[in-house]
């Protein structure tokens, strides 16, 4: 599976949180409210590819109930980073053992379990675990279409996934190599990220089609990153640097063009990176 640094995940977290589609999040809240009663147990949430726990920090404050999260990632370093980040984020923290935290944030009690495992191999076992909601952020564009088929066929829990890359980008000011570089970046996106050849920008369309076939009701909504130099200079620079590295690995741009494009993108005044959020549920 692909590895991401905790520094990169921390850098992108504010943009991830503000880009989440609010209307779809409210639709999720309405679904959960209808399904729960005053004496319901804490909401059980499984988060795939959880990184440092950003999705918990972004969603938890908007859920009007106590929660029990299971954070799943392949990288033990990110699991440990999640423990530290969540402990710092919470108002109070108790550690039952190394794989569990008990947090209080505002008026909510949040239990967090950590599981380090390879989702490319055992997703069916994960989906058999009892849960009220399955979540993921910036995850499904990394997986292969056959894996998505396995996932959709085994899914039996409402799914709320955010920030799946759709392949659209706009950078300001423009650069003559933008289209060529984007094609190269898409080619890199389709390489193996640990699950087989990645679905990349096709992931949301594949998921929507497959989930509808399996009887889910599916809603999607845009959640683009809208970045500008005033507020997001460090993220723009890091994004451009990482994109240029990926483009360079394809060999589809000559060195001089790539260097010029990289510098222009690092200094861009603004950019829009397209994503989609998806909510899949059973029944009305």
Protein backbone atom coordinates (compact mmCIF):
# COMPACT_ATOMS: atom_id res chain seq x y z
CA UNK A 1 0.00 0.00 0.00
CA UNK A 2 1.10 3.60 -0.55
CA UNK A 3 2.83 5.49 2.22
CA UNK A 4 2.06 9.08 3.17
CA UNK A 5 4.03 11.17 5.63
CA UNK A 6 2.35 12.54 8.72
CA UNK A 7 3.73 15.96 7.73
CA UNK A 8 1.87 15.91 4.41
CA UNK A 9 -1.33 14.74 6.07
CA UNK A 10 -1.09 17.51 8.68
CA UNK A 11 -0.47 20.09 5.96
CA UNK A 12 -3.56 19.12 3.99
CA UNK A 13 -5.90 18.63 6.96
CA UNK A 14 -7.32 22.20 7.12
CA UNK A 15 -8.10 22.14 3.38
CA UNK A 16 -9.66 18.70 3.70
CA UNK A 17 -11.92 19.81 6.53
CA UNK A 18 -13.19 22.98 4.86
CA UNK A 19 -13.65 21.28 1.47
CA UNK A 20 -16.00 18.58 2.75
CA UNK A 21 -19.40 19.05 1.09
CA UNK A 22 -21.65 20.42 3.84
CA UNK A 23 -24.96 19.47 2.21
CA UNK A 24 -23.95 15.82 1.92
CA UNK A 25 -22.69 15.84 5.49
CA UNK A 26 -26.09 17.15 6.62
CA UNK A 27 -27.75 14.38 4.62
CA UNK A 28 -25.62 11.91 6.55
CA UNK A 29 -26.62 13.53 9.84
CA UNK A 30 -30.30 13.22 8.96
CA UNK A 31 -29.83 9.54 8.13
CA UNK A 32 -28.09 8.87 11.43
CA UNK A 33 -30.65 10.86 13.44
CA UNK A 34 -33.53 8.81 11.97
CA UNK A 35 -31.79 5.55 12.80
CA UNK A 36 -30.97 6.32 16.44
CA UNK A 37 -32.89 6.65 19.71
CA UNK A 38 -32.07 8.33 23.01
CA UNK A 39 -30.76 5.07 24.48
CA UNK A 40 -28.70 4.04 21.44
CA UNK A 41 -25.16 2.84 22.03
CA UNK A 42 -22.27 4.98 20.77
CA UNK A 43 -22.21 5.27 16.98
CA UNK A 44 -19.81 2.65 15.59
CA UNK A 45 -17.66 4.02 12.76
CA UNK A 46 -14.91 2.25 10.80
CA UNK A 47 -12.50 4.56 8.97
CA UNK A 48 -10.43 3.05 6.14
CA UNK A 49 -6.95 4.36 5.39
CA UNK A 50 -7.22 6.57 8.45
CA UNK A 51 -3.76 8.11 8.41
CA UNK A 52 -3.38 10.38 11.44
CA UNK A 53 -7.12 10.47 12.22
CA UNK A 54 -8.04 13.59 10.25
CA UNK A 55 -11.39 12.18 9.17
CA UNK A 56 -12.38 11.61 12.79
CA UNK A 57 -11.36 15.16 13.71
CA UNK A 58 -13.27 16.55 10.75
CA UNK A 59 -16.50 14.58 11.15
CA UNK A 60 -16.84 13.86 14.85
CA UNK A 61 -17.80 17.41 15.94
CA UNK A 62 -20.77 17.32 13.53
CA UNK A 63 -22.22 14.08 14.92
CA UNK A 64 -24.66 14.62 17.80
CA UNK A 65 -23.82 11.49 19.76
CA UNK A 66 -21.08 9.55 21.50
CA UNK A 67 -18.93 7.58 19.10
CA UNK A 68 -16.78 4.47 18.83
CA UNK A 69 -14.28 4.74 15.98
CA UNK A 70 -12.02 2.03 14.57
CA UNK A 71 -9.15 3.61 12.63
CA UNK A 72 -7.50 1.29 10.12
CA UNK A 73 -4.21 1.93 8.38
CA UNK A 74 -1.35 -0.13 6.97
CA UNK A 75 1.44 2.09 8.32
CA UNK A 76 2.28 1.65 12.03
CA UNK A 77 3.99 5.04 12.04
CA UNK A 78 0.72 6.70 11.01
CA UNK A 79 -1.17 4.72 13.66
CA UNK A 80 1.18 6.10 16.30
CA UNK A 81 0.92 9.61 14.80
CA UNK A 82 -2.87 9.29 15.01
CA UNK A 83 -2.66 8.40 18.70
CA UNK A 84 -0.57 11.49 19.38
CA UNK A 85 -2.66 13.83 17.21
CA UNK A 86 -5.97 12.68 18.69
CA UNK A 87 -4.64 12.93 22.23
CA UNK A 88 -3.59 16.53 21.54
CA UNK A 89 -6.95 17.33 19.87
CA UNK A 90 -9.18 15.96 22.63
CA UNK A 91 -10.12 17.83 25.79
CA UNK A 92 -9.20 14.80 27.87
CA UNK A 93 -7.58 11.48 26.99
CA UNK A 94 -7.35 8.11 28.70
CA UNK A 95 -5.35 5.26 27.22
CA UNK A 96 -6.76 1.83 28.01
CA UNK A 97 -3.89 0.18 26.13
CA UNK A 98 -1.72 0.88 23.10
CA UNK A 99 -4.54 0.04 20.68
CA UNK A 100 -7.31 2.06 22.33
CA UNK A 101 -8.00 5.63 23.46
CA UNK A 102 -10.93 7.08 25.39
CA UNK A 103 -11.41 10.73 24.47
CA UNK A 104 -13.70 13.52 25.54
CA UNK A 105 -14.27 16.38 23.09
CA UNK A 106 -16.88 18.91 24.13
CA UNK A 107 -19.88 16.97 25.39
CA UNK A 108 -19.02 13.78 23.46
CA UNK A 109 -17.30 10.61 24.60
CA UNK A 110 -15.25 9.03 21.82
CA UNK A 111 -13.61 5.62 22.00
CA UNK A 112 -10.92 5.05 19.39
CA UNK A 113 -9.54 1.62 18.49
CA UNK A 114 -6.54 1.29 16.18
CA UNK A 115 -6.00 -1.54 13.72
CA UNK A 116 -2.86 -1.89 11.61
CA UNK A 117 -3.65 -4.16 8.68
CA UNK A 118 -3.38 -4.46 4.90
CA UNK A 119 -6.73 -3.53 3.34
CA UNK A 120 -5.61 -4.81 -0.04
CA UNK A 121 -5.84 -8.35 1.29
CA UNK A 122 -8.63 -8.53 3.86
CA UNK A 123 -11.30 -5.96 3.07
CA UNK A 124 -14.05 -8.59 3.24
CA UNK A 125 -13.11 -9.41 6.85
CA UNK A 126 -13.15 -5.73 7.75
CA UNK A 127 -16.61 -5.28 6.23
CA UNK A 128 -17.93 -8.16 8.34
CA UNK A 129 -17.23 -6.21 11.52
CA UNK A 130 -20.28 -4.63 13.21
CA UNK A 131 -20.57 -0.95 12.35
CA UNK A 132 -23.17 1.76 11.83
CA UNK A 133 -21.08 3.70 9.31
CA UNK A 134 -18.04 3.15 7.12
CA UNK A 135 -15.92 6.18 6.24
CA UNK A 136 -12.81 7.07 4.27
CA UNK A 137 -11.10 10.24 3.06
CA UNK A 138 -8.91 10.64 -0.03
CA UNK A 139 -8.67 6.87 -0.29
CA UNK A 140 -10.66 5.25 -3.07
CA UNK A 141 -8.77 6.81 -6.00
CA UNK A 142 -5.73 4.82 -4.80
CA UNK A 143 -7.32 1.38 -5.17
CA UNK A 144 -7.82 -0.84 -8.22
CA UNK A 145 -11.11 -1.48 -10.00
CA UNK A 146 -11.13 -5.21 -9.08
CA UNK A 147 -10.64 -4.22 -5.43
CA UNK A 148 -13.53 -1.74 -5.73
CA UNK A 149 -15.69 -4.57 -7.06
CA UNK A 150 -14.76 -6.71 -4.05
CA UNK A 151 -15.50 -3.80 -1.74
CA UNK A 152 -18.87 -2.91 -3.24
CA UNK A 153 -20.05 -6.51 -3.38
CA UNK A 154 -19.21 -7.07 0.31
CA UNK A 155 -20.43 -3.72 1.66
CA UNK A 156 -23.40 -4.02 4.02
CA UNK A 157 -23.05 -0.75 5.96
CA UNK A 158 -23.82 2.87 5.02
CA UNK A 159 -20.77 4.45 3.41
CA UNK A 160 -19.63 8.06 3.62
CA UNK A 161 -16.42 8.80 1.75
CA UNK A 162 -14.95 12.21 1.00
CA UNK A 163 -12.34 13.84 -1.21
CA UNK A 164 -11.97 11.22 -3.92
CA UNK A 165 -9.87 12.82 -6.68
CA UNK A 166 -11.73 13.32 -9.98
CA UNK A 167 -8.81 14.35 -12.21
CA UNK A 168 -9.79 17.99 -12.72
CA UNK A 169 -7.29 20.73 -11.89
CA UNK A 170 -7.09 24.45 -12.56
CA UNK A 171 -3.99 26.46 -11.72
CA UNK A 172 -3.66 30.24 -11.82
CA UNK A 173 -1.83 31.60 -13.66
CA UNK A 174 -1.78 28.93 -16.33
CA UNK A 175 1.39 27.39 -17.78
CA UNK A 176 1.89 26.10 -21.35
CA UNK A 177 2.66 22.61 -20.03
CA UNK A 178 -0.43 22.30 -17.82
CA UNK A 179 -2.36 19.90 -20.05
CA UNK A 180 0.68 17.76 -20.81
CA UNK A 181 1.63 17.60 -17.14
CA UNK A 182 -1.91 16.70 -16.09
CA UNK A 183 -2.02 13.83 -18.59
CA UNK A 184 1.27 12.57 -17.18
CA UNK A 185 -0.02 12.92 -13.62
CA UNK A 186 -3.12 10.91 -14.52
CA UNK A 187 -0.86 8.22 -15.97
CA UNK A 188 1.02 8.10 -12.68
CA UNK A 189 -2.27 8.00 -10.76
CA UNK A 190 -3.13 4.78 -12.59
CA UNK A 191 -0.02 2.96 -11.35
CA UNK A 192 -0.07 0.40 -8.54
CA UNK A 193 -0.53 2.02 -5.11
CA UNK A 194 -0.62 -1.33 -3.34
CA UNK A 195 -4.02 -2.57 -4.55
CA UNK A 196 -3.21 -3.15 -8.23
CA UNK A 197 -3.44 -0.56 -10.99
CA UNK A 198 -5.26 2.34 -9.35
CA UNK A 199 -8.68 3.52 -10.51
CA UNK A 200 -7.58 7.13 -10.01
CA UNK A 201 -10.09 9.70 -11.30
CA UNK A 202 -12.47 6.93 -12.40
CA UNK A 203 -13.03 5.71 -8.84
CA UNK A 204 -16.19 7.68 -8.02
CA UNK A 205 -17.93 6.69 -11.26
CA UNK A 206 -17.02 3.04 -10.71
CA UNK A 207 -18.25 3.10 -7.12
CA UNK A 208 -21.48 4.87 -7.95
CA UNK A 209 -22.29 2.39 -10.72
CA UNK A 210 -21.42 -0.70 -8.69
CA UNK A 211 -23.21 0.43 -5.53
CA UNK A 212 -26.37 1.21 -7.47
CA UNK A 213 -26.21 -2.28 -8.97
CA UNK A 214 -26.00 -3.73 -5.45
CA UNK A 215 -29.10 -1.89 -4.29
CA UNK A 216 -27.67 1.15 -2.55
CA UNK A 217 -29.02 4.65 -2.88
CA UNK A 218 -26.07 6.83 -3.81
CA UNK A 219 -25.61 10.58 -3.53
CA UNK A 220 -22.49 12.39 -4.69
CA UNK A 221 -21.47 16.02 -4.27
CA UNK A 222 -18.39 18.05 -5.25
CA UNK A 223 -15.74 18.82 -2.63
CA UNK A 224 -12.94 20.63 -4.47
CA UNK A 225 -9.85 21.98 -2.85
CA UNK A 226 -9.87 25.72 -3.51
CA UNK A 227 -6.42 26.95 -2.49
CA UNK A 228 -4.82 30.38 -2.66
CA UNK A 229 -1.37 31.71 -1.93
CA UNK A 230 -2.52 33.86 0.98
CA UNK A 231 -3.94 31.00 3.05
CA UNK A 232 -2.39 27.86 1.58
CA UNK A 233 1.11 28.74 0.37
CA UNK A 234 2.80 25.79 2.07
CA UNK A 235 0.19 23.33 0.81
CA UNK A 236 0.40 24.67 -2.75
CA UNK A 237 4.20 24.36 -2.69
CA UNK A 238 4.09 20.80 -1.33
CA UNK A 239 1.33 19.78 -3.74
CA UNK A 240 3.27 21.15 -6.71
CA UNK A 241 6.47 19.46 -5.56
CA UNK A 242 4.77 16.09 -5.15
CA UNK A 243 2.91 16.41 -8.45
CA UNK A 244 6.13 17.27 -10.27
CA UNK A 245 7.84 14.24 -8.77
CA UNK A 246 5.00 12.01 -9.96
CA UNK A 247 5.05 13.57 -13.43
CA UNK A 248 8.82 13.17 -13.60
CA UNK A 249 8.56 9.47 -12.81
CA UNK A 250 6.48 8.94 -15.95
CA UNK A 251 9.17 10.33 -18.25
CA UNK A 252 6.47 12.03 -20.33
CA UNK A 253 7.87 15.56 -19.92
CA UNK A 254 11.39 16.63 -20.80
CA UNK A 255 13.51 17.88 -17.91
CA UNK A 256 13.46 21.56 -18.89
CA UNK A 257 9.68 21.67 -19.33
CA UNK A 258 9.16 19.82 -16.06
CA UNK A 259 11.44 22.20 -14.16
CA UNK A 260 9.68 25.26 -15.57
CA UNK A 261 6.25 23.81 -14.79
CA UNK A 262 7.26 22.79 -11.27
CA UNK A 263 8.51 26.27 -10.41
CA UNK A 264 5.39 27.91 -11.82
CA UNK A 265 3.12 25.58 -9.88
CA UNK A 266 5.03 26.06 -6.63
CA UNK A 267 4.49 29.81 -7.01
CA UNK A 268 0.89 29.58 -8.25
CA UNK A 269 -1.48 32.21 -6.90
CA UNK A 270 -4.37 29.76 -6.66
CA UNK A 271 -5.52 26.32 -7.70
CA UNK A 272 -8.61 24.13 -7.73
CA UNK A 273 -8.26 20.35 -7.33
CA UNK A 274 -11.45 18.42 -8.03
CA UNK A 275 -12.85 15.86 -5.58
CA UNK A 276 -16.20 14.22 -4.88
CA UNK A 277 -17.89 13.09 -1.69
CA UNK A 278 -20.18 10.05 -1.77
CA UNK A 279 -22.91 8.76 0.53
CA UNK A 280 -24.36 5.28 -0.03
CA UNK A 281 -27.29 4.00 2.02
CA UNK A 282 -29.97 1.33 1.98
CA UNK A 283 -33.66 2.21 1.73
CA UNK A 284 -35.24 5.64 1.76
